[in-house]
Amino acid sequence: MNSRALSLVLSLSLVAAVGCGGPKKEEAAKADPTPVATVGTETPPPLPADLQDVAGLTKPSPSSDTSRPAGAASEAATETTSGAVVASGELVSAVRSELAVRMPGRVGQVYVDEGDKVRKGQRLLTLETQYLALDLKRADADVARARASAADAERDFKRKQELFAKESVAKAAYDRSEAAFQSAQAAVLSAQATRDLSRQHLADAVLVSPITGVIAEKRTDVGERLGDASVAFVVVQTSPIKLRFRLPERYLANLHNGQAVRATVDPYPGETFQGRVTQVGGVVDPTTRTVAVETELANRDGRLSPGLFARVEIDVKQQGASLP
């Protein structure tokens, strides 16, 4: 058989093999419906449920409110059936003093601790005063010396006056005696001023509280050196104490100074503290649509502390239409 005949036989055999295998592959595809992956078009596996929120694939919850603008204000107070408005407020100190010594020095004694209640004029600390006491003793001695010299000069001047009246002493000697007496008097005044300054330094070595309140911070201790601007204590006033809260803008026309306010705090359940409105803010917060109100409570017993949250009740009735 020649080569041309052999090639023809092989071609006929290949055609027969392809025709026999086609129907079998179609039947196998119908029996097994699993898709066959194609290179370049493979579908990636789905993301885990906890990652779908990050990828932004989950739909927003029906309960979420997306129609409310970002700057909308929430209600700052509620109205009771009796017409009173209830809000939440915070107690703040009317005065907050950062106390520093008037002169530099080393702390000798500390009489109070953080959290202690103090009275106006009560001693808080004392600087070391050994050198100040010595300065005062020297100043006292200088005053005594100056007074003795002034007394001697005064006696001499009086004698010269008597002699000058009798024309028994020259005018120049009389003038010198008068000048010496005046100089001695000036020396007394100078010594007294130096002594008073030493006394003031000794008094300034004691730091006292300017108000009645509570020690909020203690920033020094015995042995520490304090400079001119070193703050040793922070004292906050507790009597009277302020109560600040906010009310919706619709109540602004019905707020005024002197209005009665009732407040309750968690540390004293069932007890009501009475106060009066002392200030009403004239500017409405554009974000919360509320106005600031400030109240003053007597707090004579000092039980209310700055920083406490309070439930405020104030009788405010809106004029005109009823509240929504």
Protein backbone atom coordinates (compact mmCIF):
# COMPACT_ATOMS: atom_id res chain seq x y z
CA MET A 1 0.00 0.00 0.00
CA ASN A 2 1.42 3.37 -0.91
CA SER A 3 1.62 6.38 1.35
CA ARG A 4 -1.39 8.15 -0.23
CA ALA A 5 -3.69 5.22 0.42
CA LEU A 6 -2.42 4.94 4.02
CA SER A 7 -3.22 8.60 4.74
CA LEU A 8 -6.74 8.17 3.40
CA VAL A 9 -7.43 5.18 5.65
CA LEU A 10 -6.22 7.06 8.78
CA SER A 11 -8.43 10.08 7.99
CA LEU A 12 -11.54 7.88 7.63
CA SER A 13 -10.79 6.18 10.99
CA LEU A 14 -10.48 9.56 12.81
CA VAL A 15 -13.81 10.80 11.40
CA ALA A 16 -15.56 7.66 12.57
CA ALA A 17 -14.13 8.00 16.09
CA VAL A 18 -15.33 11.61 16.46
CA GLY A 19 -18.81 10.75 15.26
CA CYS A 20 -19.16 7.93 17.75
CA GLY A 21 -17.99 10.02 20.79
CA GLY A 22 -20.24 13.08 20.29
CA PRO A 23 -23.59 11.71 21.47
CA LYS A 24 -22.02 10.06 24.52
CA LYS A 25 -20.57 13.39 25.69
CA GLU A 26 -23.93 15.13 25.31
CA GLU A 27 -25.67 12.42 27.36
CA ALA A 28 -23.01 12.70 30.06
CA ALA A 29 -23.52 16.46 30.21
CA LYS A 30 -27.28 16.01 30.64
CA ALA A 31 -26.76 13.45 33.43
CA ASP A 32 -24.29 15.66 35.34
CA PRO A 33 -25.55 19.27 35.38
CA THR A 34 -22.50 20.58 37.37
CA PRO A 35 -21.00 23.46 35.37
CA VAL A 36 -17.49 23.03 34.17
CA ALA A 37 -15.20 25.88 35.12
CA THR A 38 -13.72 27.78 32.25
CA VAL A 39 -10.28 29.31 32.46
CA GLY A 40 -10.49 33.10 32.92
CA THR A 41 -14.24 33.13 33.88
CA GLU A 42 -14.16 31.34 37.24
CA THR A 43 -16.77 32.72 39.73
CA PRO A 44 -15.18 33.72 43.12
CA PRO A 45 -16.61 32.21 46.33
CA PRO A 46 -19.06 34.41 48.33
CA LEU A 47 -17.72 36.59 51.25
CA PRO A 48 -18.41 35.52 54.86
CA ALA A 49 -21.43 37.14 56.52
CA ASP A 50 -19.32 39.19 58.98
CA LEU A 51 -17.39 40.78 56.10
CA GLN A 52 -20.37 41.71 53.95
CA ASP A 53 -21.12 44.78 56.14
CA VAL A 54 -17.59 46.05 55.65
CA ALA A 55 -17.77 45.53 51.91
CA GLY A 56 -21.11 47.40 51.78
CA LEU A 57 -23.01 44.43 50.41
CA THR A 58 -25.72 44.30 53.06
CA LYS A 59 -28.87 46.36 52.71
CA PRO A 60 -29.75 48.95 55.33
CA SER A 61 -32.09 47.84 58.07
CA PRO A 62 -35.69 48.94 57.59
CA SER A 63 -35.68 50.35 61.11
CA SER A 64 -32.80 52.72 60.44
CA ASP A 65 -33.88 56.35 59.99
CA THR A 66 -31.93 57.95 57.16
CA SER A 67 -34.38 60.78 56.55
CA ARG A 68 -33.34 62.74 59.70
CA PRO A 69 -30.79 65.47 59.04
CA ALA A 70 -27.38 65.15 60.69
CA GLY A 71 -27.78 68.31 62.74
CA ALA A 72 -31.24 67.58 64.11
CA ALA A 73 -31.59 68.12 67.84
CA SER A 74 -32.94 65.65 70.35
CA GLU A 75 -35.35 66.62 73.04
CA ALA A 76 -33.50 68.08 76.03
CA ALA A 77 -36.49 68.00 78.36
CA THR A 78 -39.91 66.45 78.86
CA GLU A 79 -43.15 67.99 80.07
CA THR A 80 -45.23 66.41 82.81
CA THR A 81 -49.00 66.36 82.99
CA SER A 82 -48.94 69.14 85.58
CA GLY A 83 -47.19 71.52 83.19
CA ALA A 84 -43.72 71.29 84.75
CA VAL A 85 -40.69 70.64 82.57
CA VAL A 86 -38.16 68.02 83.64
CA ALA A 87 -34.55 68.16 82.42
CA SER A 88 -31.12 66.87 83.36
CA GLY A 89 -28.46 69.23 84.67
CA GLU A 90 -25.05 69.34 86.28
CA LEU A 91 -23.85 71.01 89.46
CA VAL A 92 -20.88 73.31 88.96
CA SER A 93 -18.88 75.51 91.28
CA ALA A 94 -19.50 79.24 91.12
CA VAL A 95 -15.85 79.98 91.96
CA ARG A 96 -12.75 77.92 91.22
CA SER A 97 -9.53 79.31 92.72
CA GLU A 98 -6.02 78.14 91.91
CA LEU A 99 -4.06 79.15 95.01
CA ALA A 100 -0.37 80.05 94.84
CA VAL A 101 1.92 81.42 97.51
CA ARG A 102 2.78 85.12 97.36
CA MET A 103 6.50 84.49 97.79
CA PRO A 104 8.78 81.57 96.86
CA GLY A 105 9.87 79.18 99.54
CA ARG A 106 10.00 75.61 100.81
CA VAL A 107 6.82 74.06 102.22
CA GLY A 108 7.11 73.53 105.95
CA GLN A 109 3.63 72.27 106.90
CA VAL A 110 0.46 71.23 105.06
CA TYR A 111 -2.78 71.33 107.03
CA VAL A 112 -5.36 69.97 104.53
CA ASP A 113 -5.71 67.18 102.03
CA GLU A 114 -7.60 66.70 98.78
CA GLY A 115 -11.35 66.47 99.36
CA ASP A 116 -11.31 68.36 102.69
CA LYS A 117 -13.88 71.07 103.32
CA VAL A 118 -12.35 74.43 104.21
CA ARG A 119 -13.62 77.76 105.48
CA LYS A 120 -12.71 81.22 104.26
CA GLY A 121 -9.49 82.30 105.97
CA GLN A 122 -8.49 78.78 107.03
CA ARG A 123 -4.77 77.97 106.84
CA LEU A 124 -3.81 75.51 104.11
CA LEU A 125 0.00 75.44 104.33
CA THR A 126 2.97 77.27 105.82
CA LEU A 127 6.37 77.81 104.26
CA GLU A 128 9.59 77.45 106.23
CA THR A 129 9.89 80.72 108.15
CA GLN A 130 13.19 80.49 110.09
CA TYR A 131 14.96 83.14 108.00
CA LEU A 132 11.85 85.29 107.84
CA ALA A 133 11.61 85.29 111.63
CA LEU A 134 15.25 86.35 111.90
CA ASP A 135 14.65 89.17 109.44
CA LEU A 136 11.75 90.38 111.56
CA LYS A 137 13.89 90.37 114.72
CA ARG A 138 16.56 92.39 113.00
CA ALA A 139 13.95 94.83 111.74
CA ASP A 140 12.56 95.23 115.26
CA ALA A 141 16.07 95.98 116.53
CA ASP A 142 16.60 98.57 113.80
CA VAL A 143 13.36 100.29 114.77
CA ALA A 144 14.43 100.42 118.40
CA ARG A 145 17.83 101.86 117.45
CA ALA A 146 16.23 104.46 115.21
CA ARG A 147 13.80 105.50 117.91
CA ALA A 148 16.62 105.90 120.43
CA SER A 149 18.58 108.07 118.01
CA ALA A 150 15.47 110.11 117.27
CA ALA A 151 14.84 110.65 120.99
CA ASP A 152 18.42 111.85 121.50
CA ALA A 153 18.17 114.15 118.52
CA GLU A 154 14.89 115.55 119.83
CA ARG A 155 16.43 116.37 123.23
CA ASP A 156 19.37 118.10 121.61
CA PHE A 157 17.10 120.09 119.36
CA LYS A 158 14.97 121.26 122.30
CA ARG A 159 18.07 122.45 124.16
CA LYS A 160 19.22 124.31 121.09
CA GLN A 161 15.79 125.93 120.81
CA GLU A 162 16.02 127.25 124.40
CA LEU A 163 19.58 128.51 123.90
CA PHE A 164 18.74 130.06 120.56
CA ALA A 165 15.82 131.89 122.15
CA LYS A 166 18.28 133.39 124.67
CA GLU A 167 20.74 134.08 121.86
CA SER A 168 23.22 131.80 123.61
CA VAL A 169 23.87 129.56 120.58
CA ALA A 170 24.73 130.34 116.99
CA LYS A 171 22.17 130.04 114.29
CA ALA A 172 24.32 127.43 112.47
CA ALA A 173 24.38 125.16 115.52
CA TYR A 174 20.62 125.48 115.86
CA ASP A 175 20.10 124.54 112.20
CA ARG A 176 22.36 121.50 112.48
CA SER A 177 20.44 120.25 115.51
CA GLU A 178 17.13 120.70 113.72
CA ALA A 179 18.35 118.81 110.64
CA ALA A 180 19.69 115.97 112.79
CA PHE A 181 16.32 115.69 114.54
CA GLN A 182 14.42 115.54 111.24
CA SER A 183 16.86 112.95 109.87
CA ALA A 184 16.39 110.81 112.97
CA GLN A 185 12.63 110.95 112.55
CA ALA A 186 12.97 109.83 108.91
CA ALA A 187 15.23 106.97 110.00
CA VAL A 188 12.50 105.80 112.38
CA LEU A 189 9.95 105.77 109.59
CA SER A 190 12.34 103.83 107.33
CA ALA A 191 13.04 101.25 110.03
CA GLN A 192 9.33 100.85 110.69
CA ALA A 193 8.65 100.28 106.97
CA THR A 194 11.36 97.61 106.86
CA ARG A 195 9.86 95.96 109.92
CA ASP A 196 6.35 96.03 108.41
CA LEU A 197 7.72 94.45 105.22
CA SER A 198 9.31 91.66 107.24
CA ARG A 199 6.04 91.09 109.04
CA GLN A 200 4.20 90.93 105.72
CA HIS A 201 6.70 88.37 104.39
CA LEU A 202 6.10 86.28 107.47
CA ALA A 203 2.34 86.55 106.98
CA ASP A 204 2.63 85.68 103.29
CA ALA A 205 4.38 82.46 104.24
CA VAL A 206 0.95 81.19 105.32
CA LEU A 207 -1.45 80.28 102.50
CA VAL A 208 -5.12 80.66 103.46
CA SER A 209 -8.32 79.81 101.61
CA PRO A 210 -10.06 82.85 100.08
CA ILE A 211 -13.44 81.06 99.94
CA THR A 212 -15.50 78.44 101.73
CA GLY A 213 -15.44 75.25 99.70
CA VAL A 214 -13.65 71.98 99.03
CA ILE A 215 -10.04 71.20 98.16
CA ALA A 216 -10.40 69.89 94.61
CA GLU A 217 -6.67 69.40 93.97
CA LYS A 218 -3.58 69.24 96.15
CA ARG A 219 -0.42 69.84 94.12
CA THR A 220 2.28 70.15 96.78
CA ASP A 221 3.63 68.50 99.89
CA VAL A 222 6.08 69.10 102.74
CA GLY A 223 9.61 69.86 101.58
CA GLU A 224 8.68 70.92 98.06
CA ARG A 225 9.90 74.30 96.90
CA LEU A 226 7.25 76.60 95.46
CA GLY A 227 7.89 79.44 93.05
CA ASP A 228 5.96 82.64 92.51
CA ALA A 229 3.54 81.00 90.05
CA SER A 230 3.40 77.51 91.61
CA VAL A 231 -0.21 76.43 92.25
CA ALA A 232 -0.42 74.60 95.57
CA PHE A 233 -4.17 73.96 95.83
CA VAL A 234 -7.32 74.25 93.76
CA VAL A 235 -10.35 75.21 95.86
CA VAL A 236 -13.91 75.19 94.52
CA GLN A 237 -16.80 77.01 96.13
CA THR A 238 -19.74 74.86 97.24
CA SER A 239 -22.00 77.42 98.92
CA PRO A 240 -23.80 78.64 96.94
CA ILE A 241 -23.50 76.14 94.10
CA LYS A 242 -24.73 76.50 90.53
CA LEU A 243 -26.95 74.12 88.58
CA ARG A 244 -26.80 74.31 84.79
CA PHE A 245 -29.19 72.65 82.35
CA ARG A 246 -30.68 73.18 78.89
CA LEU A 247 -34.28 73.52 77.72
CA PRO A 248 -35.77 73.43 74.19
CA GLU A 249 -35.98 76.80 72.48
CA ARG A 250 -39.78 76.84 72.62
CA TYR A 251 -39.57 77.61 76.37
CA LEU A 252 -37.33 80.67 75.96
CA ALA A 253 -40.18 83.20 76.17
CA ASN A 254 -41.33 81.71 79.49
CA LEU A 255 -37.97 81.72 81.28
CA HIS A 256 -36.92 84.55 83.59
CA ASN A 257 -34.64 85.24 86.54
CA GLY A 258 -36.00 84.34 89.94
CA GLN A 259 -38.07 81.41 88.65
CA ALA A 260 -38.35 78.57 91.17
CA VAL A 261 -36.47 75.37 90.41
CA ARG A 262 -36.57 72.00 92.16
CA ALA A 263 -33.67 69.58 91.90
CA THR A 264 -33.01 66.02 93.04
CA VAL A 265 -29.75 64.06 93.02
CA ASP A 266 -29.01 60.35 93.33
CA PRO A 267 -26.97 60.55 96.59
CA TYR A 268 -30.05 61.91 98.43
CA PRO A 269 -33.09 60.09 97.04
CA GLY A 270 -36.47 61.52 97.94
CA GLU A 271 -34.99 64.90 98.95
CA THR A 272 -35.66 68.05 96.94
CA PHE A 273 -33.33 71.05 96.80
CA GLN A 274 -34.88 74.44 96.07
CA GLY A 275 -33.27 77.13 93.94
CA ARG A 276 -33.86 80.13 91.71
CA VAL A 277 -33.00 80.86 88.10
CA THR A 278 -30.11 83.33 88.00
CA GLN A 279 -29.34 83.46 84.29
CA VAL A 280 -31.05 82.54 81.01
CA GLY A 281 -28.90 82.20 77.93
CA GLY A 282 -29.81 84.60 75.16
CA VAL A 283 -28.33 82.47 72.37
CA VAL A 284 -29.93 79.26 71.09
CA ASP A 285 -27.57 76.43 70.24
CA PRO A 286 -28.00 75.85 66.49
CA THR A 287 -27.16 72.14 66.82
CA THR A 288 -29.39 71.10 69.72
CA ARG A 289 -31.96 73.94 69.42
CA THR A 290 -31.75 74.44 73.18
CA VAL A 291 -31.06 77.36 75.50
CA ALA A 292 -28.84 77.29 78.61
CA VAL A 293 -30.34 78.00 82.04
CA GLU A 294 -28.35 78.61 85.22
CA THR A 295 -29.73 78.16 88.73
CA GLU A 296 -28.25 78.84 92.15
CA LEU A 297 -28.75 76.54 95.14
CA ALA A 298 -27.88 77.69 98.67
CA ASN A 299 -26.20 74.40 99.73
CA ARG A 300 -25.36 75.82 103.16
CA ASP A 301 -24.61 72.36 104.56
CA GLY A 302 -22.22 71.61 101.70
CA ARG A 303 -23.77 68.26 100.82
CA LEU A 304 -24.05 69.00 97.12
CA SER A 305 -20.74 68.60 95.29
CA PRO A 306 -19.65 69.99 91.91
CA GLY A 307 -19.92 67.43 89.14
CA LEU A 308 -23.11 65.76 90.39
CA PHE A 309 -25.89 65.22 87.85
CA ALA A 310 -29.32 66.44 88.91
CA ARG A 311 -32.92 66.00 87.76
CA VAL A 312 -34.35 69.48 87.37
CA GLU A 313 -38.04 70.39 87.48
CA ILE A 314 -39.21 73.88 86.57
CA ASP A 315 -42.72 75.24 86.07
CA VAL A 316 -42.71 76.58 82.51
CA LYS A 317 -45.99 76.86 80.60
CA GLN A 318 -45.81 77.62 76.93
CA GLN A 319 -47.97 80.49 75.74
CA GLY A 320 -50.33 80.00 72.83
CA ALA A 321 -50.92 76.59 71.27
CA SER A 322 -50.42 73.37 73.19
CA LEU A 323 -47.11 71.60 73.04
CA PRO A 324 -46.66 68.96 70.32
